[in-house]
Amino acid sequence: MRVSGVLRLLALIFALVATWIFIRSYISLTMKTIRLPRWLAGSDSKEIKAVKTKCGLSKPCPDNFFAFKISSGAANVVGPTMCFENFVIMSPVKNNVGRGLNIALVNGTTGTLLTQKCFDMYSGDVKLLVKFLKEIPEDTLVLVASYDDPGTKMNKETRKLLSSLGSSYAEQLGFRDSWVFLGAKNLKDKSPFEQFLKNHPDTNKYEGWPELLELEGCVPRKVF
């Protein structure tokens, strides 16, 4: 074989080797370029689980706080609901609510349910309510929700006792008003956990009743 032929052959081999090296480097670089964002995506695309909060609150409560949610009744159709620390205390489903005032007592240190009762303020449970409020133990949280008519026959003594639990609206509570409240026995200041809507034809959402109220929050242990 002539020298020129050998040189051409060597040049061809060199070109093929160089091309092969280039293609291999390019593929390797490309694969690295592709894999990097996939790896990053893999780390970021892990299934993000929704944080479940007690009683379905919009955000979780800090340590040493109790989570609660109270809904008033809707007109005289749907009864109120109370949830405390993810436990439904009262609700239409449990069939333990009634027209008037629905009240639950919870130990303010342990969060244990003490009792729950409903008082028909139209038929005359006022005396029973007064006795109940006077016998509330110390260190007790009091959850209240109205249904239908909470205030028609409420007297001064009842209003005073409810006010002593931290209510700002017990004195105003009247016929078919909507009211939700969380207070405590011998609370020194007014409770920040309260909502109230007056029954008024111009503002009522339902015919003859104001709209349903919903109150949620985080109450510290031993708020008293």
N, C-alpha and C. Protein backbone atom coordinates (compact mmCIF):
# COMPACT_ATOMS: atom_id res chain seq x y z
N MET A 1 0.86 -1.20 0.00
CA MET A 1 0.00 0.00 0.00
C MET A 1 0.88 1.23 0.00
N ARG A 2 0.50 2.14 -0.83
CA ARG A 2 1.28 3.36 -0.90
C ARG A 2 1.15 4.18 0.39
N VAL A 3 2.14 5.03 0.58
CA VAL A 3 2.17 5.88 1.79
C VAL A 3 0.97 6.78 1.83
N SER A 4 0.56 7.32 0.68
CA SER A 4 -0.59 8.22 0.64
C SER A 4 -1.87 7.49 1.04
N GLY A 5 -1.95 6.22 0.64
CA GLY A 5 -3.13 5.44 1.00
C GLY A 5 -3.19 5.18 2.49
N VAL A 6 -2.03 4.89 3.07
CA VAL A 6 -1.95 4.65 4.52
C VAL A 6 -2.34 5.89 5.29
N LEU A 7 -1.88 7.03 4.80
CA LEU A 7 -2.19 8.29 5.48
C LEU A 7 -3.70 8.58 5.44
N ARG A 8 -4.30 8.31 4.25
CA ARG A 8 -5.75 8.55 4.14
C ARG A 8 -6.51 7.62 5.07
N LEU A 9 -6.03 6.36 5.18
CA LEU A 9 -6.69 5.41 6.06
C LEU A 9 -6.58 5.85 7.51
N LEU A 10 -5.38 6.29 7.90
CA LEU A 10 -5.18 6.77 9.26
C LEU A 10 -6.04 7.99 9.55
N ALA A 11 -6.14 8.88 8.57
CA ALA A 11 -6.95 10.09 8.74
C ALA A 11 -8.43 9.72 8.93
N LEU A 12 -8.87 8.70 8.13
CA LEU A 12 -10.25 8.27 8.24
C LEU A 12 -10.52 7.66 9.61
N ILE A 13 -9.59 6.80 10.08
CA ILE A 13 -9.73 6.18 11.41
C ILE A 13 -9.76 7.25 12.50
N PHE A 14 -8.87 8.23 12.38
CA PHE A 14 -8.80 9.32 13.35
C PHE A 14 -10.11 10.10 13.39
N ALA A 15 -10.65 10.37 12.19
CA ALA A 15 -11.91 11.11 12.11
C ALA A 15 -13.05 10.33 12.75
N LEU A 16 -13.06 9.01 12.48
CA LEU A 16 -14.11 8.17 13.06
C LEU A 16 -14.01 8.13 14.58
N VAL A 17 -12.78 7.98 15.07
CA VAL A 17 -12.57 7.94 16.54
C VAL A 17 -12.97 9.26 17.17
N ALA A 18 -12.56 10.38 16.54
CA ALA A 18 -12.89 11.70 17.08
C ALA A 18 -14.40 11.92 17.09
N THR A 19 -15.04 11.49 16.00
CA THR A 19 -16.50 11.62 15.92
C THR A 19 -17.19 10.80 17.00
N TRP A 20 -16.68 9.58 17.18
CA TRP A 20 -17.27 8.71 18.20
C TRP A 20 -17.11 9.31 19.60
N ILE A 21 -15.91 9.84 19.90
CA ILE A 21 -15.66 10.48 21.20
C ILE A 21 -16.59 11.68 21.39
N PHE A 22 -16.77 12.47 20.34
CA PHE A 22 -17.63 13.66 20.41
C PHE A 22 -19.08 13.27 20.68
N ILE A 23 -19.53 12.26 19.92
CA ILE A 23 -20.92 11.82 20.09
C ILE A 23 -21.14 11.26 21.50
N ARG A 24 -20.19 10.51 21.97
CA ARG A 24 -20.31 9.92 23.32
C ARG A 24 -20.34 11.01 24.39
N SER A 25 -19.45 12.01 24.25
CA SER A 25 -19.41 13.12 25.21
C SER A 25 -20.71 13.91 25.17
N TYR A 26 -21.25 14.11 23.96
CA TYR A 26 -22.47 14.89 23.80
C TYR A 26 -23.67 14.17 24.44
N ILE A 27 -23.70 12.83 24.18
CA ILE A 27 -24.80 12.05 24.77
C ILE A 27 -24.71 12.06 26.28
N SER A 28 -23.48 11.90 26.79
CA SER A 28 -23.28 11.90 28.24
C SER A 28 -23.71 13.22 28.85
N LEU A 29 -23.32 14.33 28.20
CA LEU A 29 -23.67 15.66 28.69
C LEU A 29 -25.18 15.87 28.63
N THR A 30 -25.76 15.39 27.52
CA THR A 30 -27.21 15.54 27.36
C THR A 30 -27.96 14.77 28.44
N MET A 31 -27.51 13.56 28.70
CA MET A 31 -28.16 12.74 29.72
C MET A 31 -28.05 13.39 31.08
N LYS A 32 -26.88 13.99 31.37
CA LYS A 32 -26.72 14.68 32.65
C LYS A 32 -27.65 15.88 32.72
N THR A 33 -27.76 16.59 31.58
CA THR A 33 -28.61 17.77 31.54
C THR A 33 -30.07 17.40 31.75
N ILE A 34 -30.45 16.25 31.21
CA ILE A 34 -31.84 15.80 31.34
C ILE A 34 -32.10 15.26 32.74
N ARG A 35 -31.17 14.51 33.26
CA ARG A 35 -31.40 13.85 34.54
C ARG A 35 -31.43 14.83 35.71
N LEU A 36 -30.68 15.91 35.62
CA LEU A 36 -30.61 16.83 36.74
C LEU A 36 -31.96 17.41 37.09
N PRO A 37 -32.70 18.00 36.14
CA PRO A 37 -34.02 18.53 36.50
C PRO A 37 -35.01 17.44 36.90
N ARG A 38 -34.84 16.23 36.33
CA ARG A 38 -35.73 15.16 36.76
C ARG A 38 -35.46 14.79 38.21
N TRP A 39 -34.20 14.81 38.56
CA TRP A 39 -33.84 14.49 39.94
C TRP A 39 -34.38 15.57 40.88
N LEU A 40 -34.23 16.84 40.44
CA LEU A 40 -34.76 17.95 41.25
C LEU A 40 -36.28 17.86 41.33
N ALA A 41 -36.90 17.56 40.21
CA ALA A 41 -38.36 17.45 40.19
C ALA A 41 -38.82 16.32 41.09
N GLY A 42 -37.99 15.25 41.10
CA GLY A 42 -38.37 14.12 41.93
C GLY A 42 -38.37 14.50 43.39
N SER A 43 -37.41 15.35 43.81
CA SER A 43 -37.34 15.73 45.21
C SER A 43 -38.45 16.68 45.58
N ASP A 44 -38.88 17.52 44.62
CA ASP A 44 -39.90 18.51 44.91
C ASP A 44 -41.30 18.00 44.69
N SER A 45 -41.41 16.93 43.89
CA SER A 45 -42.75 16.47 43.53
C SER A 45 -43.24 15.35 44.42
N LYS A 46 -42.60 15.18 45.57
CA LYS A 46 -43.10 14.21 46.52
C LYS A 46 -44.51 14.64 46.93
N GLU A 47 -45.36 13.70 47.13
CA GLU A 47 -46.75 13.99 47.44
C GLU A 47 -46.85 14.84 48.70
N ILE A 48 -47.40 16.00 48.54
CA ILE A 48 -47.57 16.91 49.67
C ILE A 48 -48.90 16.61 50.32
N LYS A 49 -48.86 16.07 51.50
CA LYS A 49 -50.07 15.71 52.20
C LYS A 49 -50.65 16.92 52.92
N ALA A 50 -51.93 17.12 52.78
CA ALA A 50 -52.60 18.23 53.45
C ALA A 50 -52.54 18.00 54.95
N VAL A 51 -52.21 19.06 55.67
CA VAL A 51 -52.14 18.98 57.11
C VAL A 51 -53.56 18.92 57.68
N LYS A 52 -53.87 17.86 58.38
CA LYS A 52 -55.18 17.72 58.97
C LYS A 52 -55.20 18.40 60.33
N THR A 53 -56.12 19.32 60.51
CA THR A 53 -56.22 20.04 61.77
C THR A 53 -57.39 19.52 62.57
N LYS A 54 -57.31 19.65 63.86
CA LYS A 54 -58.39 19.23 64.73
C LYS A 54 -59.62 20.10 64.47
N CYS A 55 -60.76 19.46 64.39
CA CYS A 55 -62.05 20.12 64.16
C CYS A 55 -62.11 20.85 62.81
N GLY A 56 -61.14 20.56 61.93
CA GLY A 56 -61.14 21.19 60.61
C GLY A 56 -60.80 22.66 60.64
N LEU A 57 -60.01 23.10 61.61
CA LEU A 57 -59.63 24.50 61.70
C LEU A 57 -58.80 24.92 60.49
N SER A 58 -58.79 26.21 60.21
CA SER A 58 -58.03 26.72 59.07
C SER A 58 -56.53 26.57 59.29
N LYS A 59 -56.08 26.50 60.53
CA LYS A 59 -54.67 26.27 60.83
C LYS A 59 -54.55 25.54 62.16
N PRO A 60 -53.49 24.77 62.37
CA PRO A 60 -53.35 24.01 63.61
C PRO A 60 -53.10 24.91 64.81
N CYS A 61 -53.46 24.42 65.97
CA CYS A 61 -53.24 25.16 67.21
C CYS A 61 -51.84 24.88 67.77
N PRO A 62 -51.26 25.85 68.47
CA PRO A 62 -49.95 25.61 69.11
C PRO A 62 -50.08 24.58 70.23
N ASP A 63 -48.94 24.15 70.72
CA ASP A 63 -48.94 23.25 71.88
C ASP A 63 -49.58 23.95 73.07
N ASN A 64 -50.19 23.17 73.93
CA ASN A 64 -50.85 23.68 75.13
C ASN A 64 -52.06 24.56 74.82
N PHE A 65 -52.64 24.38 73.61
CA PHE A 65 -53.87 25.05 73.24
C PHE A 65 -54.88 23.99 72.81
N PHE A 66 -56.14 24.25 73.09
CA PHE A 66 -57.22 23.37 72.65
C PHE A 66 -57.84 23.93 71.37
N ALA A 67 -58.14 23.05 70.43
CA ALA A 67 -58.82 23.46 69.20
C ALA A 67 -60.33 23.29 69.38
N PHE A 68 -61.09 24.25 68.87
CA PHE A 68 -62.53 24.13 68.96
C PHE A 68 -63.21 24.80 67.77
N LYS A 69 -64.43 24.37 67.50
CA LYS A 69 -65.27 25.00 66.48
C LYS A 69 -66.72 24.88 66.93
N ILE A 70 -67.43 26.00 66.88
CA ILE A 70 -68.84 26.03 67.29
C ILE A 70 -69.65 26.65 66.16
N SER A 71 -70.74 25.99 65.78
CA SER A 71 -71.66 26.54 64.78
C SER A 71 -73.04 26.66 65.41
N SER A 72 -73.67 27.80 65.21
CA SER A 72 -75.03 27.97 65.71
C SER A 72 -76.00 27.21 64.83
N GLY A 73 -77.25 27.14 65.26
CA GLY A 73 -78.26 26.54 64.43
C GLY A 73 -78.62 27.44 63.26
N ALA A 74 -79.17 26.85 62.22
CA ALA A 74 -79.63 27.61 61.06
C ALA A 74 -81.15 27.67 61.11
N ALA A 75 -81.69 28.86 61.43
CA ALA A 75 -83.14 29.04 61.60
C ALA A 75 -83.65 28.01 62.61
N ASN A 76 -84.75 27.34 62.30
CA ASN A 76 -85.25 26.25 63.15
C ASN A 76 -85.20 24.93 62.40
N VAL A 77 -84.25 24.87 61.45
CA VAL A 77 -84.15 23.70 60.57
C VAL A 77 -82.96 22.81 60.90
N VAL A 78 -81.77 23.40 60.98
CA VAL A 78 -80.54 22.64 61.23
C VAL A 78 -79.97 23.03 62.59
N GLY A 79 -79.74 22.05 63.43
CA GLY A 79 -79.24 22.31 64.77
C GLY A 79 -77.76 22.67 64.79
N PRO A 80 -77.28 23.15 65.93
CA PRO A 80 -75.88 23.56 66.08
C PRO A 80 -74.92 22.38 66.15
N THR A 81 -73.63 22.70 66.02
CA THR A 81 -72.58 21.69 66.13
C THR A 81 -71.44 22.23 66.99
N MET A 82 -70.91 21.38 67.84
CA MET A 82 -69.75 21.74 68.67
C MET A 82 -68.68 20.68 68.52
N CYS A 83 -67.46 21.12 68.27
CA CYS A 83 -66.31 20.22 68.20
C CYS A 83 -65.22 20.75 69.12
N PHE A 84 -64.61 19.86 69.88
CA PHE A 84 -63.53 20.25 70.79
C PHE A 84 -62.43 19.21 70.72
N GLU A 85 -61.24 19.64 70.36
CA GLU A 85 -60.09 18.73 70.24
C GLU A 85 -60.41 17.54 69.33
N ASN A 86 -61.09 17.84 68.23
CA ASN A 86 -61.42 16.86 67.19
C ASN A 86 -62.51 15.87 67.61
N PHE A 87 -63.18 16.17 68.71
CA PHE A 87 -64.29 15.34 69.17
C PHE A 87 -65.58 16.14 69.04
N VAL A 88 -66.54 15.60 68.29
CA VAL A 88 -67.82 16.27 68.13
C VAL A 88 -68.66 16.03 69.38
N ILE A 89 -68.89 17.12 70.12
CA ILE A 89 -69.62 17.02 71.38
C ILE A 89 -71.12 16.99 71.14
N MET A 90 -71.59 17.93 70.32
CA MET A 90 -73.02 18.05 70.05
C MET A 90 -73.22 18.29 68.56
N SER A 91 -74.28 17.70 68.02
CA SER A 91 -74.58 17.90 66.60
C SER A 91 -75.95 17.29 66.28
N PRO A 92 -76.56 17.71 65.16
CA PRO A 92 -77.81 17.07 64.75
C PRO A 92 -77.64 15.57 64.48
N VAL A 93 -76.46 15.19 63.98
CA VAL A 93 -76.20 13.78 63.69
C VAL A 93 -76.22 12.95 64.98
N LYS A 94 -75.67 13.51 66.05
CA LYS A 94 -75.66 12.81 67.34
C LYS A 94 -77.03 12.88 68.02
N ASN A 95 -77.88 13.75 67.47
CA ASN A 95 -79.26 13.88 68.00
C ASN A 95 -79.27 14.30 69.47
N ASN A 96 -78.36 15.21 69.83
CA ASN A 96 -78.32 15.68 71.22
C ASN A 96 -78.35 17.21 71.31
N VAL A 97 -79.00 17.85 70.32
CA VAL A 97 -79.16 19.31 70.34
C VAL A 97 -80.66 19.63 70.38
N GLY A 98 -80.96 20.86 70.79
CA GLY A 98 -82.36 21.26 70.85
C GLY A 98 -82.50 22.77 70.73
N ARG A 99 -83.73 23.23 70.55
CA ARG A 99 -83.96 24.66 70.42
C ARG A 99 -83.62 25.37 71.73
N GLY A 100 -83.15 26.60 71.61
CA GLY A 100 -82.76 27.36 72.79
C GLY A 100 -81.25 27.50 72.88
N LEU A 101 -80.70 27.16 74.05
CA LEU A 101 -79.26 27.23 74.28
C LEU A 101 -78.68 25.83 74.45
N ASN A 102 -77.67 25.53 73.67
CA ASN A 102 -76.95 24.26 73.76
C ASN A 102 -75.61 24.54 74.42
N ILE A 103 -75.35 23.88 75.53
CA ILE A 103 -74.17 24.20 76.33
C ILE A 103 -73.37 22.95 76.64
N ALA A 104 -72.05 23.06 76.51
CA ALA A 104 -71.14 21.96 76.86
C ALA A 104 -70.10 22.48 77.84
N LEU A 105 -69.79 21.68 78.84
CA LEU A 105 -68.77 22.01 79.83
C LEU A 105 -67.57 21.10 79.63
N VAL A 106 -66.38 21.71 79.57
CA VAL A 106 -65.14 20.96 79.33
C VAL A 106 -64.11 21.34 80.39
N ASN A 107 -63.42 20.36 80.91
CA ASN A 107 -62.35 20.63 81.86
C ASN A 107 -61.26 21.45 81.18
N GLY A 108 -60.96 22.61 81.75
CA GLY A 108 -60.02 23.53 81.11
C GLY A 108 -58.57 23.12 81.18
N THR A 109 -58.26 22.10 81.95
CA THR A 109 -56.88 21.63 82.06
C THR A 109 -56.64 20.39 81.21
N THR A 110 -57.57 19.45 81.27
CA THR A 110 -57.39 18.18 80.56
C THR A 110 -58.12 18.13 79.21
N GLY A 111 -59.12 19.01 79.04
CA GLY A 111 -59.90 18.99 77.81
C GLY A 111 -60.97 17.91 77.81
N THR A 112 -61.23 17.32 78.95
CA THR A 112 -62.23 16.27 79.08
C THR A 112 -63.65 16.85 79.14
N LEU A 113 -64.57 16.25 78.39
CA LEU A 113 -65.96 16.68 78.43
C LEU A 113 -66.57 16.32 79.77
N LEU A 114 -67.18 17.32 80.42
CA LEU A 114 -67.83 17.10 81.70
C LEU A 114 -69.32 16.78 81.50
N THR A 115 -69.99 17.60 80.70
CA THR A 115 -71.39 17.37 80.42
C THR A 115 -71.84 18.25 79.26
N GLN A 116 -72.98 17.92 78.70
CA GLN A 116 -73.58 18.74 77.65
C GLN A 116 -75.11 18.69 77.80
N LYS A 117 -75.75 19.86 77.65
CA LYS A 117 -77.20 19.93 77.80
C LYS A 117 -77.77 21.01 76.90
N CYS A 118 -79.06 20.89 76.60
CA CYS A 118 -79.76 21.96 75.88
C CYS A 118 -80.92 22.45 76.73
N PHE A 119 -81.17 23.76 76.67
CA PHE A 119 -82.20 24.40 77.47
C PHE A 119 -83.14 25.15 76.54
N ASP A 120 -84.41 24.76 76.57
CA ASP A 120 -85.42 25.41 75.74
C ASP A 120 -85.84 26.71 76.41
N MET A 121 -85.38 27.83 75.86
CA MET A 121 -85.63 29.13 76.48
C MET A 121 -87.02 29.67 76.14
N TYR A 122 -87.75 28.98 75.33
CA TYR A 122 -89.10 29.42 75.00
C TYR A 122 -90.14 28.74 75.89
N SER A 123 -89.88 27.47 76.20
CA SER A 123 -90.86 26.72 76.99
C SER A 123 -90.66 26.89 78.49
N GLY A 124 -89.56 27.50 78.92
CA GLY A 124 -89.40 27.79 80.34
C GLY A 124 -88.35 27.01 81.07
N ASP A 125 -87.19 26.77 80.45
CA ASP A 125 -86.09 26.08 81.13
C ASP A 125 -85.17 27.06 81.86
N VAL A 126 -85.65 28.27 82.11
CA VAL A 126 -84.80 29.31 82.68
C VAL A 126 -84.28 28.91 84.06
N LYS A 127 -85.15 28.41 84.91
CA LYS A 127 -84.73 28.03 86.26
C LYS A 127 -83.70 26.91 86.22
N LEU A 128 -83.91 25.97 85.32
CA LEU A 128 -82.95 24.87 85.17
C LEU A 128 -81.60 25.40 84.69
N LEU A 129 -81.64 26.38 83.78
CA LEU A 129 -80.41 26.97 83.27
C LEU A 129 -79.66 27.72 84.37
N VAL A 130 -80.40 28.48 85.19
CA VAL A 130 -79.77 29.22 86.29
C VAL A 130 -79.07 28.24 87.24
N LYS A 131 -79.73 27.18 87.59
CA LYS A 131 -79.15 26.17 88.48
C LYS A 131 -77.90 25.56 87.84
N PHE A 132 -78.00 25.26 86.57
CA PHE A 132 -76.87 24.66 85.84
C PHE A 132 -75.66 25.60 85.83
N LEU A 133 -75.89 26.87 85.54
CA LEU A 133 -74.79 27.84 85.46
C LEU A 133 -74.15 28.08 86.83
N LYS A 134 -74.94 28.07 87.86
CA LYS A 134 -74.40 28.27 89.21
C LYS A 134 -73.54 27.12 89.68
N GLU A 135 -73.79 25.94 89.14
CA GLU A 135 -73.06 24.75 89.59
C GLU A 135 -71.86 24.39 88.70
N ILE A 136 -71.51 25.28 87.77
CA ILE A 136 -70.34 25.02 86.92
C ILE A 136 -69.08 24.98 87.79
N PRO A 137 -68.29 23.91 87.71
CA PRO A 137 -67.07 23.81 88.53
C PRO A 137 -66.01 24.83 88.11
N GLU A 138 -65.08 25.06 89.01
CA GLU A 138 -63.93 25.91 88.69
C GLU A 138 -63.10 25.25 87.57
N ASP A 139 -62.32 26.05 86.91
CA ASP A 139 -61.44 25.57 85.83
C ASP A 139 -62.22 24.87 84.72
N THR A 140 -63.36 25.45 84.36
CA THR A 140 -64.21 24.85 83.34
C THR A 140 -64.42 25.79 82.16
N LEU A 141 -64.28 25.24 80.97
CA LEU A 141 -64.60 25.98 79.75
C LEU A 141 -66.07 25.74 79.41
N VAL A 142 -66.73 26.79 78.93
CA VAL A 142 -68.15 26.73 78.63
C VAL A 142 -68.38 27.06 77.17
N LEU A 143 -68.92 26.11 76.41
CA LEU A 143 -69.21 26.30 74.99
C LEU A 143 -70.72 26.45 74.82
N VAL A 144 -71.14 27.48 74.09
CA VAL A 144 -72.57 27.76 73.93
C VAL A 144 -72.90 27.99 72.47
N ALA A 145 -74.04 27.44 72.03
CA ALA A 145 -74.53 27.67 70.67
C ALA A 145 -76.05 27.82 70.71
N SER A 146 -76.55 28.82 70.01
CA SER A 146 -78.00 29.05 69.96
C SER A 146 -78.63 28.23 68.84
N TYR A 147 -79.94 28.00 69.02
CA TYR A 147 -80.71 27.31 67.98
C TYR A 147 -82.16 27.77 68.06
N ASP A 148 -82.64 28.32 66.97
CA ASP A 148 -84.01 28.81 66.87
C ASP A 148 -84.21 30.05 67.74
N ASP A 149 -84.55 29.87 69.01
CA ASP A 149 -84.82 31.02 69.89
C ASP A 149 -84.09 30.86 71.22
N PRO A 150 -82.99 31.60 71.43
CA PRO A 150 -82.23 31.44 72.66
C PRO A 150 -82.58 32.42 73.78
N GLY A 151 -83.39 33.47 73.48
CA GLY A 151 -83.48 34.52 74.49
C GLY A 151 -84.84 35.05 74.86
N THR A 152 -85.93 34.44 74.39
CA THR A 152 -87.25 35.01 74.64
C THR A 152 -87.55 35.15 76.14
N LYS A 153 -87.28 34.14 76.91
CA LYS A 153 -87.63 34.18 78.34
C LYS A 153 -86.41 34.26 79.25
N MET A 154 -85.30 34.70 78.70
CA MET A 154 -84.10 34.82 79.52
C MET A 154 -84.27 35.96 80.52
N ASN A 155 -83.94 35.71 81.78
CA ASN A 155 -84.10 36.75 82.82
C ASN A 155 -82.76 37.40 83.17
N LYS A 156 -82.82 38.37 84.07
CA LYS A 156 -81.62 39.13 84.45
C LYS A 156 -80.57 38.25 85.10
N GLU A 157 -81.01 37.31 85.92
CA GLU A 157 -80.05 36.44 86.62
C GLU A 157 -79.28 35.58 85.61
N THR A 158 -79.99 35.06 84.62
CA THR A 158 -79.33 34.24 83.60
C THR A 158 -78.32 35.06 82.82
N ARG A 159 -78.71 36.27 82.45
CA ARG A 159 -77.81 37.14 81.69
C ARG A 159 -76.57 37.49 82.50
N LYS A 160 -76.76 37.72 83.79
CA LYS A 160 -75.63 38.05 84.66
C LYS A 160 -74.67 36.88 84.78
N LEU A 161 -75.21 35.68 84.90
CA LEU A 161 -74.36 34.49 85.02
C LEU A 161 -73.58 34.24 83.74
N LEU A 162 -74.23 34.43 82.60
CA LEU A 162 -73.54 34.24 81.32
C LEU A 162 -72.48 35.33 81.10
N SER A 163 -72.78 36.53 81.57
CA SER A 163 -71.80 37.62 81.45
C SER A 163 -70.57 37.34 82.31
N SER A 164 -70.78 36.69 83.46
CA SER A 164 -69.66 36.37 84.35
C SER A 164 -68.73 35.33 83.73
N LEU A 165 -69.22 34.62 82.71
CA LEU A 165 -68.39 33.64 82.00
C LEU A 165 -67.55 34.30 80.91
N GLY A 166 -67.75 35.62 80.73
CA GLY A 166 -66.97 36.36 79.74
C GLY A 166 -67.75 36.84 78.54
N SER A 167 -69.08 36.66 78.55
CA SER A 167 -69.89 37.07 77.40
C SER A 167 -70.09 38.59 77.36
N SER A 168 -69.99 39.14 76.16
CA SER A 168 -70.24 40.56 75.94
C SER A 168 -71.66 40.82 75.43
N TYR A 169 -72.35 39.73 75.02
CA TYR A 169 -73.65 39.90 74.36
C TYR A 169 -74.81 39.25 75.11
N ALA A 170 -74.56 38.62 76.24
CA ALA A 170 -75.65 37.96 76.97
C ALA A 170 -76.74 38.94 77.36
N GLU A 171 -76.37 40.17 77.65
CA GLU A 171 -77.35 41.18 78.05
C GLU A 171 -78.28 41.56 76.90
N GLN A 172 -77.83 41.36 75.66
CA GLN A 172 -78.61 41.75 74.49
C GLN A 172 -79.40 40.60 73.88
N LEU A 173 -79.11 39.40 74.27
CA LEU A 173 -79.66 38.23 73.62
C LEU A 173 -81.19 38.22 73.66
N GLY A 174 -81.81 38.08 72.50
CA GLY A 174 -83.26 38.14 72.44
C GLY A 174 -83.86 37.10 71.50
N PHE A 175 -85.09 37.35 71.10
CA PHE A 175 -85.88 36.43 70.28
C PHE A 175 -85.19 36.11 68.96
N ARG A 176 -84.91 34.85 68.75
CA ARG A 176 -84.33 34.32 67.51
C ARG A 176 -82.98 34.91 67.11
N ASP A 177 -82.24 35.44 68.05
CA ASP A 177 -80.89 35.91 67.74
C ASP A 177 -79.96 34.72 67.55
N SER A 178 -78.88 34.92 66.78
CA SER A 178 -77.84 33.89 66.61
C SER A 178 -76.67 34.21 67.53
N TRP A 179 -76.17 33.17 68.20
CA TRP A 179 -75.11 33.41 69.19
C TRP A 179 -74.24 32.17 69.35
N VAL A 180 -72.93 32.37 69.30
CA VAL A 180 -71.96 31.31 69.62
C VAL A 180 -70.92 31.91 70.56
N PHE A 181 -70.46 31.11 71.51
CA PHE A 181 -69.63 31.68 72.58
C PHE A 181 -68.80 30.59 73.25
N LEU A 182 -67.58 30.95 73.62
CA LEU A 182 -66.76 30.10 74.48
C LEU A 182 -66.22 30.98 75.60
N GLY A 183 -66.55 30.62 76.82
CA GLY A 183 -66.08 31.36 77.99
C GLY A 183 -65.54 30.42 79.03
N ALA A 184 -65.37 30.93 80.24
CA ALA A 184 -64.83 30.10 81.32
C ALA A 184 -65.37 30.59 82.66
N LYS A 185 -65.43 29.69 83.60
CA LYS A 185 -65.87 30.01 84.96
C LYS A 185 -64.95 31.06 85.57
N ASN A 186 -65.55 32.14 86.06
CA ASN A 186 -64.82 33.23 86.73
C ASN A 186 -63.74 33.85 85.84
N LEU A 187 -64.03 34.01 84.57
CA LEU A 187 -63.09 34.66 83.66
C LEU A 187 -62.96 36.13 84.04
N LYS A 188 -61.74 36.62 84.17
CA LYS A 188 -61.53 37.99 84.65
C LYS A 188 -61.88 39.03 83.59
N ASP A 189 -61.61 38.71 82.34
CA ASP A 189 -61.90 39.64 81.25
C ASP A 189 -62.95 39.05 80.32
N LYS A 190 -63.38 39.86 79.35
CA LYS A 190 -64.34 39.38 78.37
C LYS A 190 -63.67 38.38 77.44
N SER A 191 -64.40 37.36 77.06
CA SER A 191 -63.85 36.34 76.18
C SER A 191 -63.69 36.88 74.76
N PRO A 192 -62.58 36.53 74.10
CA PRO A 192 -62.41 36.92 72.70
C PRO A 192 -63.14 35.99 71.74
N PHE A 193 -63.74 34.94 72.29
CA PHE A 193 -64.39 33.93 71.46
C PHE A 193 -65.93 34.07 71.54
N GLU A 194 -66.45 34.95 70.70
CA GLU A 194 -67.89 35.17 70.73
C GLU A 194 -68.35 35.85 69.44
N GLN A 195 -69.51 35.43 68.95
CA GLN A 195 -70.14 36.08 67.80
C GLN A 195 -71.64 36.19 68.06
N PHE A 196 -72.22 37.28 67.56
CA PHE A 196 -73.62 37.56 67.85
C PHE A 196 -74.26 38.27 66.66
N LEU A 197 -75.48 37.84 66.31
CA LEU A 197 -76.24 38.51 65.26
C LEU A 197 -77.67 38.71 65.72
N LYS A 198 -78.12 39.95 65.63
CA LYS A 198 -79.47 40.30 66.05
C LYS A 198 -80.50 39.88 64.99
N ASN A 199 -81.61 39.39 65.46
CA ASN A 199 -82.72 39.06 64.58
C ASN A 199 -83.36 40.37 64.10
N HIS A 200 -83.25 40.64 62.80
CA HIS A 200 -83.82 41.88 62.24
C HIS A 200 -84.28 41.61 60.81
N PRO A 201 -85.49 42.01 60.47
CA PRO A 201 -86.03 41.73 59.13
C PRO A 201 -85.16 42.26 57.99
N ASP A 202 -84.46 43.36 58.22
CA ASP A 202 -83.66 43.97 57.15
C ASP A 202 -82.35 43.23 56.89
N THR A 203 -81.90 42.47 57.86
CA THR A 203 -80.58 41.83 57.73
C THR A 203 -80.65 40.31 57.80
N ASN A 204 -81.78 39.75 58.16
CA ASN A 204 -81.89 38.29 58.28
C ASN A 204 -81.60 37.59 56.96
N LYS A 205 -80.87 36.49 57.06
CA LYS A 205 -80.57 35.70 55.86
C LYS A 205 -81.71 34.73 55.59
N TYR A 206 -82.26 34.17 56.65
CA TYR A 206 -83.39 33.26 56.52
C TYR A 206 -84.67 34.04 56.88
N GLU A 207 -85.77 33.57 56.46
CA GLU A 207 -87.03 34.24 56.75
C GLU A 207 -87.33 34.14 58.25
N GLY A 208 -87.13 35.24 58.96
CA GLY A 208 -87.41 35.25 60.39
C GLY A 208 -86.22 34.95 61.28
N TRP A 209 -85.05 34.64 60.68
CA TRP A 209 -83.86 34.31 61.47
C TRP A 209 -82.60 34.90 60.81
N PRO A 210 -81.63 35.31 61.62
CA PRO A 210 -80.34 35.71 61.06
C PRO A 210 -79.56 34.49 60.59
N GLU A 211 -78.44 34.73 59.92
CA GLU A 211 -77.68 33.62 59.37
C GLU A 211 -76.95 32.81 60.43
N LEU A 212 -76.55 31.63 60.05
CA LEU A 212 -75.77 30.75 60.90
C LEU A 212 -74.42 31.40 61.22
N LEU A 213 -73.96 31.21 62.44
CA LEU A 213 -72.66 31.74 62.86
C LEU A 213 -71.70 30.58 63.10
N GLU A 214 -70.43 30.81 62.78
CA GLU A 214 -69.40 29.79 63.02
C GLU A 214 -68.22 30.43 63.70
N LEU A 215 -67.79 29.83 64.78
CA LEU A 215 -66.69 30.34 65.59
C LEU A 215 -65.65 29.24 65.76
N GLU A 216 -64.41 29.55 65.46
CA GLU A 216 -63.34 28.57 65.66
C GLU A 216 -62.13 29.26 66.24
N GLY A 217 -61.27 28.50 66.89
CA GLY A 217 -60.07 29.09 67.45
C GLY A 217 -59.27 28.12 68.28
N CYS A 218 -58.27 28.67 68.96
CA CYS A 218 -57.37 27.91 69.82
C CYS A 218 -57.42 28.57 71.20
N VAL A 219 -57.87 27.84 72.18
CA VAL A 219 -57.98 28.39 73.53
C VAL A 219 -56.88 27.77 74.40
N PRO A 220 -56.13 28.61 75.10
CA PRO A 220 -55.05 28.06 75.94
C PRO A 220 -55.59 27.31 77.14
N ARG A 221 -54.85 26.33 77.58
CA ARG A 221 -55.23 25.62 78.80
C ARG A 221 -55.16 26.60 79.98
N LYS A 222 -56.07 26.46 80.91
CA LYS A 222 -56.13 27.31 82.09
C LYS A 222 -56.22 28.79 81.71
N VAL A 223 -57.20 29.13 80.85
CA VAL A 223 -57.36 30.52 80.44
C VAL A 223 -57.80 31.42 81.60
N PHE A 224 -58.32 30.80 82.64
CA PHE A 224 -58.83 31.54 83.77
C PHE A 224 -57.73 31.88 84.74
